[in-house]
Amino acid sequence: MIYACFMLFFLTNAIETQLTSTGAFEISLNDVTIWSKLQSGRVPRVDELMQIIDSHISGGNINANEQFKVQ
């Protein structure tokens, strides 16, 4: 169990490092960009991203069943 937790920790850190080292990272929801690493200069935190998505859904900007895509 502990081994699996360590592996998950290192794997997610490796993915985060790869994402932050690349140039463009954008998240679109219903063809509307809700996050751009090029504009903000960073990758969003998970809680920050969930709050943005929630505000778009509850604000009536999109249908709750719409898919979002990462570019």
Protein backbone atom coordinates (compact mmCIF):
# COMPACT_ATOMS: atom_id res chain seq x y z
CA MET A 1 0.00 0.00 0.00
CA ILE A 2 2.74 2.46 0.92
CA TYR A 3 4.65 1.52 -2.23
CA ALA A 4 1.60 2.34 -4.35
CA CYS A 5 1.22 5.72 -2.65
CA PHE A 6 4.88 6.57 -3.29
CA MET A 7 4.58 5.53 -6.93
CA LEU A 8 1.45 7.65 -7.37
CA PHE A 9 3.18 10.61 -5.74
CA PHE A 10 6.25 10.38 -8.00
CA LEU A 11 4.16 9.77 -11.10
CA THR A 12 1.97 12.82 -10.53
CA ASN A 13 5.03 14.96 -9.80
CA ALA A 14 6.61 13.79 -13.05
CA ILE A 15 3.45 14.68 -14.98
CA GLU A 16 3.21 18.09 -13.32
CA THR A 17 6.86 18.80 -14.08
CA GLN A 18 6.34 17.85 -17.73
CA LEU A 19 3.25 20.09 -18.02
CA THR A 20 4.91 23.08 -16.41
CA SER A 21 8.02 22.78 -18.56
CA THR A 22 6.10 22.88 -21.85
CA GLY A 23 4.95 26.11 -23.44
CA ALA A 24 1.23 26.02 -24.14
CA PHE A 25 -1.34 24.54 -21.80
CA GLU A 26 -4.96 25.53 -22.31
CA ILE A 27 -8.21 24.16 -20.95
CA SER A 28 -11.36 24.73 -22.96
CA LEU A 29 -14.93 24.18 -21.89
CA ASN A 30 -17.53 24.21 -24.67
CA ASP A 31 -14.95 25.77 -27.02
CA VAL A 32 -14.32 28.63 -24.57
CA THR A 33 -10.83 28.85 -23.08
CA ILE A 34 -11.18 28.85 -19.30
CA TRP A 35 -7.45 28.61 -18.52
CA SER A 36 -4.35 29.50 -20.50
CA LYS A 37 -0.87 28.87 -19.19
CA LEU A 38 0.48 31.31 -21.77
CA GLN A 39 -1.66 34.11 -20.30
CA SER A 40 -1.29 33.21 -16.61
CA GLY A 41 2.28 31.89 -16.74
CA ARG A 42 1.42 28.82 -14.68
CA VAL A 43 -0.66 25.65 -14.48
CA PRO A 44 -3.79 25.97 -12.31
CA ARG A 45 -4.07 24.25 -8.95
CA VAL A 46 -6.68 21.50 -8.81
CA ASP A 47 -8.94 23.41 -6.41
CA GLU A 48 -8.60 26.54 -8.51
CA LEU A 49 -9.53 24.68 -11.70
CA MET A 50 -12.52 22.98 -10.03
CA GLN A 51 -13.75 26.40 -8.84
CA ILE A 52 -13.46 27.85 -12.36
CA ILE A 53 -15.32 24.90 -13.89
CA ASP A 54 -17.99 25.06 -11.17
CA SER A 55 -18.53 28.78 -11.70
CA HIS A 56 -18.96 28.27 -15.45
CA ILE A 57 -21.44 25.44 -14.91
CA SER A 58 -23.45 27.17 -12.17
CA GLY A 59 -23.32 30.50 -13.97
CA GLY A 60 -25.27 29.06 -16.85
CA ASN A 61 -22.42 29.55 -19.30
CA ILE A 62 -22.49 25.90 -20.32
CA ASN A 63 -24.57 22.78 -20.08
CA ALA A 64 -23.46 20.58 -17.17
CA ASN A 65 -23.13 17.64 -19.57
CA GLU A 66 -20.64 19.41 -21.87
CA GLN A 67 -17.16 17.94 -22.19
CA PHE A 68 -14.01 19.94 -21.53
CA LYS A 69 -10.75 19.43 -23.36
CA VAL A 70 -7.11 20.07 -22.58
CA GLN A 71 -4.97 21.29 -25.44
